[in-house]
All heavy atoms as atom14 arrays in JSON, in Angstrom:
{
  "sequence": "FKAIQTYSNKEVVRWIEVPQEGQDEPDTPAPVLKLSAAEDDAHGASG",
  "atom14_mask": [
    [1, 1, 1, 1, 1, 1, 1, 1, 1, 1, 1, 0, 0, 0],
    [1, 1, 1, 1, 1, 1, 1, 1, 1, 0, 0, 0, 0, 0],
    [1, 1, 1, 1, 1, 0, 0, 0, 0, 0, 0, 0, 0, 0],
    [1, 1, 1, 1, 1, 1, 1, 1, 0, 0, 0, 0, 0, 0],
    [1, 1, 1, 1, 1, 1, 1, 1, 1, 0, 0, 0, 0, 0],
    [1, 1, 1, 1, 1, 1, 1, 0, 0, 0, 0, 0, 0, 0],
    [1, 1, 1, 1, 1, 1, 1, 1, 1, 1, 1, 1, 0, 0],
    [1, 1, 1, 1, 1, 1, 0, 0, 0, 0, 0, 0, 0, 0],
    [1, 1, 1, 1, 1, 1, 1, 1, 0, 0, 0, 0, 0, 0],
    [1, 1, 1, 1, 1, 1, 1, 1, 1, 0, 0, 0, 0, 0],
    [1, 1, 1, 1, 1, 1, 1, 1, 1, 0, 0, 0, 0, 0],
    [1, 1, 1, 1, 1, 1, 1, 0, 0, 0, 0, 0, 0, 0],
    [1, 1, 1, 1, 1, 1, 1, 0, 0, 0, 0, 0, 0, 0],
    [1, 1, 1, 1, 1, 1, 1, 1, 1, 1, 1, 0, 0, 0],
    [1, 1, 1, 1, 1, 1, 1, 1, 1, 1, 1, 1, 1, 1],
    [1, 1, 1, 1, 1, 1, 1, 1, 0, 0, 0, 0, 0, 0],
    [1, 1, 1, 1, 1, 1, 1, 1, 1, 0, 0, 0, 0, 0],
    [1, 1, 1, 1, 1, 1, 1, 0, 0, 0, 0, 0, 0, 0],
    [1, 1, 1, 1, 1, 1, 1, 0, 0, 0, 0, 0, 0, 0],
    [1, 1, 1, 1, 1, 1, 1, 1, 1, 0, 0, 0, 0, 0],
    [1, 1, 1, 1, 1, 1, 1, 1, 1, 0, 0, 0, 0, 0],
    [1, 1, 1, 1, 0, 0, 0, 0, 0, 0, 0, 0, 0, 0],
    [1, 1, 1, 1, 1, 1, 1, 1, 1, 0, 0, 0, 0, 0],
    [1, 1, 1, 1, 1, 1, 1, 1, 0, 0, 0, 0, 0, 0],
    [1, 1, 1, 1, 1, 1, 1, 1, 1, 0, 0, 0, 0, 0],
    [1, 1, 1, 1, 1, 1, 1, 0, 0, 0, 0, 0, 0, 0],
    [1, 1, 1, 1, 1, 1, 1, 1, 0, 0, 0, 0, 0, 0],
    [1, 1, 1, 1, 1, 1, 1, 0, 0, 0, 0, 0, 0, 0],
    [1, 1, 1, 1, 1, 1, 1, 0, 0, 0, 0, 0, 0, 0],
    [1, 1, 1, 1, 1, 0, 0, 0, 0, 0, 0, 0, 0, 0],
    [1, 1, 1, 1, 1, 1, 1, 0, 0, 0, 0, 0, 0, 0],
    [1, 1, 1, 1, 1, 1, 1, 0, 0, 0, 0, 0, 0, 0],
    [1, 1, 1, 1, 1, 1, 1, 1, 0, 0, 0, 0, 0, 0],
    [1, 1, 1, 1, 1, 1, 1, 1, 1, 0, 0, 0, 0, 0],
    [1, 1, 1, 1, 1, 1, 1, 1, 0, 0, 0, 0, 0, 0],
    [1, 1, 1, 1, 1, 1, 0, 0, 0, 0, 0, 0, 0, 0],
    [1, 1, 1, 1, 1, 0, 0, 0, 0, 0, 0, 0, 0, 0],
    [1, 1, 1, 1, 1, 0, 0, 0, 0, 0, 0, 0, 0, 0],
    [1, 1, 1, 1, 1, 1, 1, 1, 1, 0, 0, 0, 0, 0],
    [1, 1, 1, 1, 1, 1, 1, 1, 0, 0, 0, 0, 0, 0],
    [1, 1, 1, 1, 1, 1, 1, 1, 0, 0, 0, 0, 0, 0],
    [1, 1, 1, 1, 1, 0, 0, 0, 0, 0, 0, 0, 0, 0],
    [1, 1, 1, 1, 1, 1, 1, 1, 1, 1, 0, 0, 0, 0],
    [1, 1, 1, 1, 0, 0, 0, 0, 0, 0, 0, 0, 0, 0],
    [1, 1, 1, 1, 1, 0, 0, 0, 0, 0, 0, 0, 0, 0],
    [1, 1, 1, 1, 1, 1, 0, 0, 0, 0, 0, 0, 0, 0],
    [1, 1, 1, 1, 0, 0, 0, 0, 0, 0, 0, 0, 0, 0]
  ],
  "atom14_positions": [
    [[-27.4, -37.06, -61.73], [-26.92, -35.76, -61.33], [-26.06, -35.15, -62.47], [-24.95, -35.62, -62.68], [-26.07, -35.85, -60.05], [-26.82, -36.43, -58.86], [-26.81, -37.81, -58.68], [-27.46, -35.62, -57.96], [-27.5, -38.36, -57.59], [-28.12, -36.16, -56.86], [-28.14, -37.55, -56.65], [0.0, 0.0, 0.0], [0.0, 0.0, 0.0], [0.0, 0.0, 0.0]],
    [[-26.6, -34.2, -63.16], [-25.86, -33.58, -64.22], [-24.86, -32.56, -63.65], [-25.2, -31.74, -62.74], [-26.81, -32.86, -65.19], [-27.73, -33.86, -65.93], [-28.62, -33.15, -66.93], [-29.5, -34.2, -67.64], [-30.34, -33.6, -68.7], [0.0, 0.0, 0.0], [0.0, 0.0, 0.0], [0.0, 0.0, 0.0], [0.0, 0.0, 0.0], [0.0, 0.0, 0.0]],
    [[-23.61, -32.66, -64.05], [-22.55, -31.88, -63.45], [-21.81, -31.0, -64.51], [-21.72, -31.43, -65.69], [-21.53, -32.77, -62.73], [0.0, 0.0, 0.0], [0.0, 0.0, 0.0], [0.0, 0.0, 0.0], [0.0, 0.0, 0.0], [0.0, 0.0, 0.0], [0.0, 0.0, 0.0], [0.0, 0.0, 0.0], [0.0, 0.0, 0.0], [0.0, 0.0, 0.0]],
    [[-21.29, -29.89, -64.1], [-20.52, -28.99, -64.94], [-19.2, -28.7, -64.27], [-19.18, -28.23, -63.15], [-21.3, -27.71, -65.22], [-22.62, -27.97, -65.9], [-20.43, -26.73, -66.07], [-23.48, -26.74, -66.1], [0.0, 0.0, 0.0], [0.0, 0.0, 0.0], [0.0, 0.0, 0.0], [0.0, 0.0, 0.0], [0.0, 0.0, 0.0], [0.0, 0.0, 0.0]],
    [[-18.14, -29.02, -64.94], [-16.75, -28.85, -64.46], [-16.09, -27.69, -65.13], [-16.02, -27.62, -66.34], [-16.0, -30.13, -64.65], [-14.58, -30.15, -64.08], [-13.89, -31.53, -64.31], [-14.38, -32.31, -65.06], [-12.72, -31.67, -63.63], [0.0, 0.0, 0.0], [0.0, 0.0, 0.0], [0.0, 0.0, 0.0], [0.0, 0.0, 0.0], [0.0, 0.0, 0.0]],
    [[-15.55, -26.73, -64.36], [-14.86, -25.59, -64.9], [-13.38, -25.58, -64.53], [-13.06, -25.83, -63.37], [-15.53, -24.28, -64.39], [-16.89, -24.33, -64.76], [-14.87, -23.09, -65.03], [0.0, 0.0, 0.0], [0.0, 0.0, 0.0], [0.0, 0.0, 0.0], [0.0, 0.0, 0.0], [0.0, 0.0, 0.0], [0.0, 0.0, 0.0], [0.0, 0.0, 0.0]],
    [[-12.56, -25.28, -65.49], [-11.1, -25.26, -65.27], [-10.6, -23.8, -65.12], [-11.28, -22.83, -65.44], [-10.36, -25.99, -66.43], [-10.51, -27.47, -66.45], [-11.59, -28.06, -67.16], [-9.62, -28.25, -65.75], [-11.75, -29.46, -67.17], [-9.76, -29.65, -65.75], [-10.84, -30.23, -66.46], [-10.96, -31.6, -66.48], [0.0, 0.0, 0.0], [0.0, 0.0, 0.0]],
    [[-9.35, -23.7, -64.65], [-8.73, -22.44, -64.42], [-8.53, -21.64, -65.69], [-8.33, -20.42, -65.72], [-7.44, -22.57, -63.64], [-6.54, -23.4, -64.35], [0.0, 0.0, 0.0], [0.0, 0.0, 0.0], [0.0, 0.0, 0.0], [0.0, 0.0, 0.0], [0.0, 0.0, 0.0], [0.0, 0.0, 0.0], [0.0, 0.0, 0.0], [0.0, 0.0, 0.0]],
    [[-8.46, -22.37, -66.85], [-8.26, -21.68, -68.14], [-9.56, -21.34, -68.82], [-9.67, -21.11, -70.02], [-7.43, -22.57, -69.09], [-8.09, -23.94, -69.36], [-9.18, -24.2, -68.87], [-7.4, -24.75, -70.15], [0.0, 0.0, 0.0], [0.0, 0.0, 0.0], [0.0, 0.0, 0.0], [0.0, 0.0, 0.0], [0.0, 0.0, 0.0], [0.0, 0.0, 0.0]],
    [[-10.69, -21.4, -68.0], [-12.08, -21.04, -68.44], [-12.71, -22.15, -69.28], [-13.83, -21.93, -69.74], [-12.07, -19.72, -69.19], [-11.39, -18.55, -68.5], [-12.05, -18.3, -67.14], [-11.37, -17.12, -66.41], [-11.92, -16.92, -65.1], [0.0, 0.0, 0.0], [0.0, 0.0, 0.0], [0.0, 0.0, 0.0], [0.0, 0.0, 0.0], [0.0, 0.0, 0.0]],
    [[-12.07, -23.26, -69.41], [-12.71, -24.38, -70.16], [-13.82, -24.96, -69.31], [-13.65, -25.13, -68.1], [-11.65, -25.45, -70.48], [-12.23, -26.66, -71.26], [-11.25, -27.76, -71.43], [-10.09, -27.62, -70.98], [-11.61, -28.79, -72.03], [0.0, 0.0, 0.0], [0.0, 0.0, 0.0], [0.0, 0.0, 0.0], [0.0, 0.0, 0.0], [0.0, 0.0, 0.0]],
    [[-14.93, -25.3, -69.94], [-16.08, -25.87, -69.27], [-16.41, -27.24, -69.88], [-16.55, -27.36, -71.1], [-17.3, -24.93, -69.33], [-18.53, -25.57, -68.72], [-16.99, -23.61, -68.7], [0.0, 0.0, 0.0], [0.0, 0.0, 0.0], [0.0, 0.0, 0.0], [0.0, 0.0, 0.0], [0.0, 0.0, 0.0], [0.0, 0.0, 0.0], [0.0, 0.0, 0.0]],
    [[-16.54, -28.2, -69.06], [-16.98, -29.6, -69.51], [-18.26, -29.93, -68.87], [-18.42, -29.9, -67.65], [-15.9, -30.63, -69.19], [-16.34, -32.01, -69.69], [-14.54, -30.27, -69.76], [0.0, 0.0, 0.0], [0.0, 0.0, 0.0], [0.0, 0.0, 0.0], [0.0, 0.0, 0.0], [0.0, 0.0, 0.0], [0.0, 0.0, 0.0], [0.0, 0.0, 0.0]],
    [[-19.25, -30.23, -69.71], [-20.6, -30.55, -69.21], [-20.83, -32.04, -69.18], [-20.99, -32.69, -70.24], [-21.66, -29.85, -70.15], [-21.49, -28.33, -70.17], [-22.51, -27.71, -71.09], [-22.3, -26.27, -71.19], [-22.8, -25.4, -70.33], [-23.6, -25.8, -69.34], [-22.57, -24.09, -70.47], [0.0, 0.0, 0.0], [0.0, 0.0, 0.0], [0.0, 0.0, 0.0]],
    [[-20.89, -32.58, -68.0], [-21.17, -33.98, -67.79], [-22.65, -34.17, -67.63], [-23.16, -34.31, -66.53], [-20.39, -34.53, -66.58], [-18.91, -34.31, -66.62], [-18.24, -33.27, -66.01], [-17.95, -35.04, -67.36], [-16.89, -33.36, -66.31], [-16.7, -34.39, -67.12], [-18.02, -36.13, -68.23], [-15.5, -34.91, -67.72], [-16.8, -36.61, -68.77], [-15.6, -35.97, -68.55]],
    [[-23.35, -34.17, -68.77], [-24.86, -34.14, -68.7], [-25.51, -35.19, -69.57], [-26.75, -35.32, -69.53], [-25.34, -32.76, -69.13], [-24.92, -32.42, -70.56], [-24.84, -31.64, -68.18], [-25.47, -31.15, -71.08], [0.0, 0.0, 0.0], [0.0, 0.0, 0.0], [0.0, 0.0, 0.0], [0.0, 0.0, 0.0], [0.0, 0.0, 0.0], [0.0, 0.0, 0.0]],
    [[-24.77, -36.0, -70.27], [-25.37, -37.03, -71.12], [-25.77, -38.23, -70.27], [-24.96, -38.84, -69.52], [-24.41, -37.47, -72.22], [-24.06, -36.36, -73.18], [-23.15, -36.87, -74.3], [-23.69, -37.43, -75.24], [-21.91, -36.74, -74.11], [0.0, 0.0, 0.0], [0.0, 0.0, 0.0], [0.0, 0.0, 0.0], [0.0, 0.0, 0.0], [0.0, 0.0, 0.0]],
    [[-27.06, -38.63, -70.32], [-27.54, -39.74, -69.54], [-27.23, -41.05, -70.2], [-27.67, -41.3, -71.34], [-29.1, -39.63, -69.31], [-29.58, -40.77, -68.47], [-29.48, -38.27, -68.74], [0.0, 0.0, 0.0], [0.0, 0.0, 0.0], [0.0, 0.0, 0.0], [0.0, 0.0, 0.0], [0.0, 0.0, 0.0], [0.0, 0.0, 0.0], [0.0, 0.0, 0.0]],
    [[-26.48, -41.93, -69.52], [-26.15, -43.23, -70.13], [-27.41, -44.1, -70.27], [-28.3, -44.05, -69.44], [-25.23, -43.88, -69.06], [-24.66, -42.7, -68.28], [-25.79, -41.71, -68.24], [0.0, 0.0, 0.0], [0.0, 0.0, 0.0], [0.0, 0.0, 0.0], [0.0, 0.0, 0.0], [0.0, 0.0, 0.0], [0.0, 0.0, 0.0], [0.0, 0.0, 0.0]],
    [[-27.47, -44.76, -71.46], [-28.64, -45.61, -71.74], [-28.25, -47.05, -71.68], [-27.12, -47.48, -72.19], [-29.19, -45.31, -73.13], [-29.61, -43.86, -73.28], [-30.75, -43.46, -72.37], [-31.6, -44.31, -72.07], [-30.82, -42.2, -71.94], [0.0, 0.0, 0.0], [0.0, 0.0, 0.0], [0.0, 0.0, 0.0], [0.0, 0.0, 0.0], [0.0, 0.0, 0.0]],
    [[-29.09, -47.89, -71.06], [-28.78, -49.29, -70.91], [-28.69, -49.96, -72.3], [-29.53, -49.76, -73.15], [-29.85, -49.99, -70.04], [-29.53, -51.44, -69.73], [-30.56, -52.04, -68.76], [-31.46, -51.3, -68.38], [-30.46, -53.27, -68.51], [0.0, 0.0, 0.0], [0.0, 0.0, 0.0], [0.0, 0.0, 0.0], [0.0, 0.0, 0.0], [0.0, 0.0, 0.0]],
    [[-27.64, -50.76, -72.47], [-27.45, -51.46, -73.73], [-26.71, -50.67, -74.77], [-26.5, -51.16, -75.88], [0.0, 0.0, 0.0], [0.0, 0.0, 0.0], [0.0, 0.0, 0.0], [0.0, 0.0, 0.0], [0.0, 0.0, 0.0], [0.0, 0.0, 0.0], [0.0, 0.0, 0.0], [0.0, 0.0, 0.0], [0.0, 0.0, 0.0], [0.0, 0.0, 0.0]],
    [[-26.36, -49.45, -74.43], [-25.62, -48.59, -75.4], [-24.25, -48.24, -74.88], [-24.01, -48.34, -73.64], [-26.44, -47.31, -75.68], [-27.77, -47.55, -76.34], [-28.49, -46.29, -76.67], [-27.91, -45.19, -76.63], [-29.78, -46.34, -77.04], [0.0, 0.0, 0.0], [0.0, 0.0, 0.0], [0.0, 0.0, 0.0], [0.0, 0.0, 0.0], [0.0, 0.0, 0.0]],
    [[-23.39, -47.8, -75.73], [-22.03, -47.4, -75.35], [-22.11, -46.17, -74.42], [-23.07, -45.35, -74.59], [-21.18, -47.1, -76.53], [-20.87, -48.36, -77.36], [-20.98, -49.46, -76.79], [-20.57, -48.21, -78.57], [0.0, 0.0, 0.0], [0.0, 0.0, 0.0], [0.0, 0.0, 0.0], [0.0, 0.0, 0.0], [0.0, 0.0, 0.0], [0.0, 0.0, 0.0]],
    [[-21.18, -46.02, -73.56], [-21.18, -44.86, -72.67], [-20.89, -43.62, -73.5], [-20.02, -43.6, -74.34], [-20.07, -45.03, -71.62], [-20.07, -43.89, -70.56], [-19.03, -44.12, -69.52], [-17.83, -44.2, -69.84], [-19.38, -44.24, -68.31], [0.0, 0.0, 0.0], [0.0, 0.0, 0.0], [0.0, 0.0, 0.0], [0.0, 0.0, 0.0], [0.0, 0.0, 0.0]],
    [[-21.68, -42.55, -73.29], [-21.42, -41.31, -74.01], [-20.12, -40.65, -73.65], [-19.48, -41.0, -72.7], [-22.61, -40.43, -73.61], [-23.08, -41.0, -72.23], [-22.81, -42.45, -72.31], [0.0, 0.0, 0.0], [0.0, 0.0, 0.0], [0.0, 0.0, 0.0], [0.0, 0.0, 0.0], [0.0, 0.0, 0.0], [0.0, 0.0, 0.0], [0.0, 0.0, 0.0]],
    [[-19.72, -39.69, -74.43], [-18.43, -39.02, -74.23], [-18.39, -38.26, -72.92], [-17.37, -38.21, -72.27], [-18.16, -38.1, -75.42], [-17.91, -38.81, -76.72], [-17.48, -40.02, -76.66], [-18.14, -38.27, -77.76], [0.0, 0.0, 0.0], [0.0, 0.0, 0.0], [0.0, 0.0, 0.0], [0.0, 0.0, 0.0], [0.0, 0.0, 0.0], [0.0, 0.0, 0.0]],
    [[-19.53, -37.65, -72.6], [-19.57, -36.85, -71.34], [-20.74, -37.32, -70.5], [-21.75, -36.6, -70.34], [-19.7, -35.35, -71.64], [-20.83, -35.14, -72.47], [-18.45, -34.82, -72.32], [0.0, 0.0, 0.0], [0.0, 0.0, 0.0], [0.0, 0.0, 0.0], [0.0, 0.0, 0.0], [0.0, 0.0, 0.0], [0.0, 0.0, 0.0], [0.0, 0.0, 0.0]],
    [[-20.62, -38.53, -69.91], [-21.76, -39.06, -69.11], [-22.0, -38.32, -67.82], [-21.08, -37.84, -67.17], [-21.3, -40.52, -68.86], [-19.8, -40.4, -68.76], [-19.41, -39.39, -69.85], [0.0, 0.0, 0.0], [0.0, 0.0, 0.0], [0.0, 0.0, 0.0], [0.0, 0.0, 0.0], [0.0, 0.0, 0.0], [0.0, 0.0, 0.0], [0.0, 0.0, 0.0]],
    [[-23.31, -38.24, -67.47], [-23.68, -37.6, -66.19], [-23.45, -38.6, -65.04], [-23.54, -39.85, -65.26], [-25.16, -37.21, -66.24], [0.0, 0.0, 0.0], [0.0, 0.0, 0.0], [0.0, 0.0, 0.0], [0.0, 0.0, 0.0], [0.0, 0.0, 0.0], [0.0, 0.0, 0.0], [0.0, 0.0, 0.0], [0.0, 0.0, 0.0], [0.0, 0.0, 0.0]],
    [[-23.13, -38.1, -63.88], [-23.02, -39.05, -62.76], [-24.35, -39.7, -62.43], [-25.34, -39.0, -62.36], [-22.56, -38.1, -61.58], [-21.95, -36.9, -62.25], [-22.74, -36.72, -63.53], [0.0, 0.0, 0.0], [0.0, 0.0, 0.0], [0.0, 0.0, 0.0], [0.0, 0.0, 0.0], [0.0, 0.0, 0.0], [0.0, 0.0, 0.0], [0.0, 0.0, 0.0]],
    [[-24.3, -41.0, -62.22], [-25.53, -41.78, -61.95], [-25.33, -42.55, -60.64], [-24.36, -43.31, -60.5], [-25.84, -42.8, -63.1], [-27.07, -43.63, -62.73], [-26.06, -41.99, -64.4], [0.0, 0.0, 0.0], [0.0, 0.0, 0.0], [0.0, 0.0, 0.0], [0.0, 0.0, 0.0], [0.0, 0.0, 0.0], [0.0, 0.0, 0.0], [0.0, 0.0, 0.0]],
    [[-26.29, -42.39, -59.74], [-26.27, -43.06, -58.46], [-27.25, -44.21, -58.49], [-28.47, -44.06, -58.64], [-26.66, -42.14, -57.33], [-26.77, -42.75, -55.91], [-25.42, -43.21, -55.44], [-27.41, -41.75, -54.9], [0.0, 0.0, 0.0], [0.0, 0.0, 0.0], [0.0, 0.0, 0.0], [0.0, 0.0, 0.0], [0.0, 0.0, 0.0], [0.0, 0.0, 0.0]],
    [[-26.74, -45.49, -58.4], [-27.56, -46.62, -58.36], [-28.13, -46.85, -56.97], [-27.42, -46.72, -55.99], [-26.76, -47.88, -58.76], [-26.09, -47.81, -60.14], [-27.17, -47.8, -61.26], [-26.54, -47.83, -62.62], [-27.55, -47.88, -63.75], [0.0, 0.0, 0.0], [0.0, 0.0, 0.0], [0.0, 0.0, 0.0], [0.0, 0.0, 0.0], [0.0, 0.0, 0.0]],
    [[-29.42, -47.13, -56.93], [-30.09, -47.36, -55.61], [-30.32, -48.83, -55.39], [-30.73, -49.59, -56.29], [-31.43, -46.61, -55.63], [-31.44, -45.12, -55.84], [-32.8, -44.54, -55.78], [-30.48, -44.42, -54.85], [0.0, 0.0, 0.0], [0.0, 0.0, 0.0], [0.0, 0.0, 0.0], [0.0, 0.0, 0.0], [0.0, 0.0, 0.0], [0.0, 0.0, 0.0]],
    [[-30.06, -49.3, -54.21], [-30.27, -50.69, -53.82], [-31.6, -50.89, -53.24], [-32.39, -49.89, -52.99], [-29.17, -51.13, -52.83], [-29.29, -50.36, -51.64], [0.0, 0.0, 0.0], [0.0, 0.0, 0.0], [0.0, 0.0, 0.0], [0.0, 0.0, 0.0], [0.0, 0.0, 0.0], [0.0, 0.0, 0.0], [0.0, 0.0, 0.0], [0.0, 0.0, 0.0]],
    [[-32.05, -52.13, -53.04], [-33.36, -52.44, -52.49], [-33.49, -51.84, -51.14], [-32.56, -51.7, -50.37], [-33.55, -53.97, -52.5], [0.0, 0.0, 0.0], [0.0, 0.0, 0.0], [0.0, 0.0, 0.0], [0.0, 0.0, 0.0], [0.0, 0.0, 0.0], [0.0, 0.0, 0.0], [0.0, 0.0, 0.0], [0.0, 0.0, 0.0], [0.0, 0.0, 0.0]],
    [[-34.75, -51.52, -50.81], [-35.06, -50.94, -49.48], [-34.69, -51.92, -48.4], [-34.89, -53.12, -48.48], [-36.53, -50.59, -49.39], [0.0, 0.0, 0.0], [0.0, 0.0, 0.0], [0.0, 0.0, 0.0], [0.0, 0.0, 0.0], [0.0, 0.0, 0.0], [0.0, 0.0, 0.0], [0.0, 0.0, 0.0], [0.0, 0.0, 0.0], [0.0, 0.0, 0.0]],
    [[-34.1, -51.38, -47.3], [-33.74, -52.17, -46.15], [-34.87, -52.25, -45.15], [-35.78, -51.36, -45.13], [-32.49, -51.61, -45.47], [-31.27, -51.61, -46.37], [-30.02, -51.03, -45.65], [-30.21, -50.14, -44.83], [-28.89, -51.51, -45.95], [0.0, 0.0, 0.0], [0.0, 0.0, 0.0], [0.0, 0.0, 0.0], [0.0, 0.0, 0.0], [0.0, 0.0, 0.0]],
    [[-34.86, -53.26, -44.25], [-35.83, -53.34, -43.2], [-35.73, -52.18, -42.28], [-34.65, -51.66, -42.02], [-35.65, -54.66, -42.4], [-35.93, -55.88, -43.26], [-36.67, -55.72, -44.25], [-35.39, -56.97, -42.94], [0.0, 0.0, 0.0], [0.0, 0.0, 0.0], [0.0, 0.0, 0.0], [0.0, 0.0, 0.0], [0.0, 0.0, 0.0], [0.0, 0.0, 0.0]],
    [[-36.9, -51.77, -41.76], [-36.92, -50.65, -40.78], [-36.2, -50.98, -39.56], [-36.45, -51.94, -38.88], [-38.39, -50.31, -40.44], [-38.49, -49.09, -39.58], [-37.45, -48.36, -39.4], [-39.6, -48.79, -39.05], [0.0, 0.0, 0.0], [0.0, 0.0, 0.0], [0.0, 0.0, 0.0], [0.0, 0.0, 0.0], [0.0, 0.0, 0.0], [0.0, 0.0, 0.0]],
    [[-35.12, -50.26, -39.28], [-34.26, -50.57, -38.13], [-35.08, -50.4, -36.82], [-34.93, -51.13, -35.85], [-33.07, -49.6, -38.1], [0.0, 0.0, 0.0], [0.0, 0.0, 0.0], [0.0, 0.0, 0.0], [0.0, 0.0, 0.0], [0.0, 0.0, 0.0], [0.0, 0.0, 0.0], [0.0, 0.0, 0.0], [0.0, 0.0, 0.0], [0.0, 0.0, 0.0]],
    [[-35.97, -49.33, -36.83], [-36.73, -49.15, -35.6], [-37.71, -50.34, -35.36], [-37.91, -50.81, -34.25], [-37.56, -47.86, -35.73], [-36.69, -46.65, -35.78], [-35.97, -46.17, -34.72], [-36.39, -45.8, -36.81], [-35.28, -45.08, -35.08], [-35.53, -44.83, -36.34], [0.0, 0.0, 0.0], [0.0, 0.0, 0.0], [0.0, 0.0, 0.0], [0.0, 0.0, 0.0]],
    [[-38.32, -50.79, -36.51], [-39.22, -51.95, -36.36], [-38.45, -53.18, -35.85], [-38.97, -53.88, -34.97], [0.0, 0.0, 0.0], [0.0, 0.0, 0.0], [0.0, 0.0, 0.0], [0.0, 0.0, 0.0], [0.0, 0.0, 0.0], [0.0, 0.0, 0.0], [0.0, 0.0, 0.0], [0.0, 0.0, 0.0], [0.0, 0.0, 0.0], [0.0, 0.0, 0.0]],
    [[-37.27, -53.44, -36.42], [-36.49, -54.57, -35.98], [-36.13, -54.43, -34.53], [-36.17, -55.37, -33.74], [-35.23, -54.72, -36.79], [0.0, 0.0, 0.0], [0.0, 0.0, 0.0], [0.0, 0.0, 0.0], [0.0, 0.0, 0.0], [0.0, 0.0, 0.0], [0.0, 0.0, 0.0], [0.0, 0.0, 0.0], [0.0, 0.0, 0.0], [0.0, 0.0, 0.0]],
    [[-35.75, -53.21, -34.13], [-35.39, -52.97, -32.72], [-36.6, -53.19, -31.83], [-36.49, -53.77, -30.76], [-34.84, -51.53, -32.55], [-34.54, -51.26, -31.21], [0.0, 0.0, 0.0], [0.0, 0.0, 0.0], [0.0, 0.0, 0.0], [0.0, 0.0, 0.0], [0.0, 0.0, 0.0], [0.0, 0.0, 0.0], [0.0, 0.0, 0.0], [0.0, 0.0, 0.0]],
    [[-37.78, -52.66, -32.32], [-38.96, -52.88, -31.48], [-39.3, -54.32, -31.33], [-39.76, -54.73, -30.23], [0.0, 0.0, 0.0], [0.0, 0.0, 0.0], [0.0, 0.0, 0.0], [0.0, 0.0, 0.0], [0.0, 0.0, 0.0], [0.0, 0.0, 0.0], [0.0, 0.0, 0.0], [0.0, 0.0, 0.0], [0.0, 0.0, 0.0], [0.0, 0.0, 0.0]]
  ]
}
């Protein structure tokens, strides 16, 4: 999720750099949501 942050003094910070595995974190990294393995179907388990 690339994000843009704006301050009251009109300063804008762009958090848009995609972190790469095995490399140092960039200066303005984009927010990254890690996904876990799929869970069992609750309805199926209930059934």
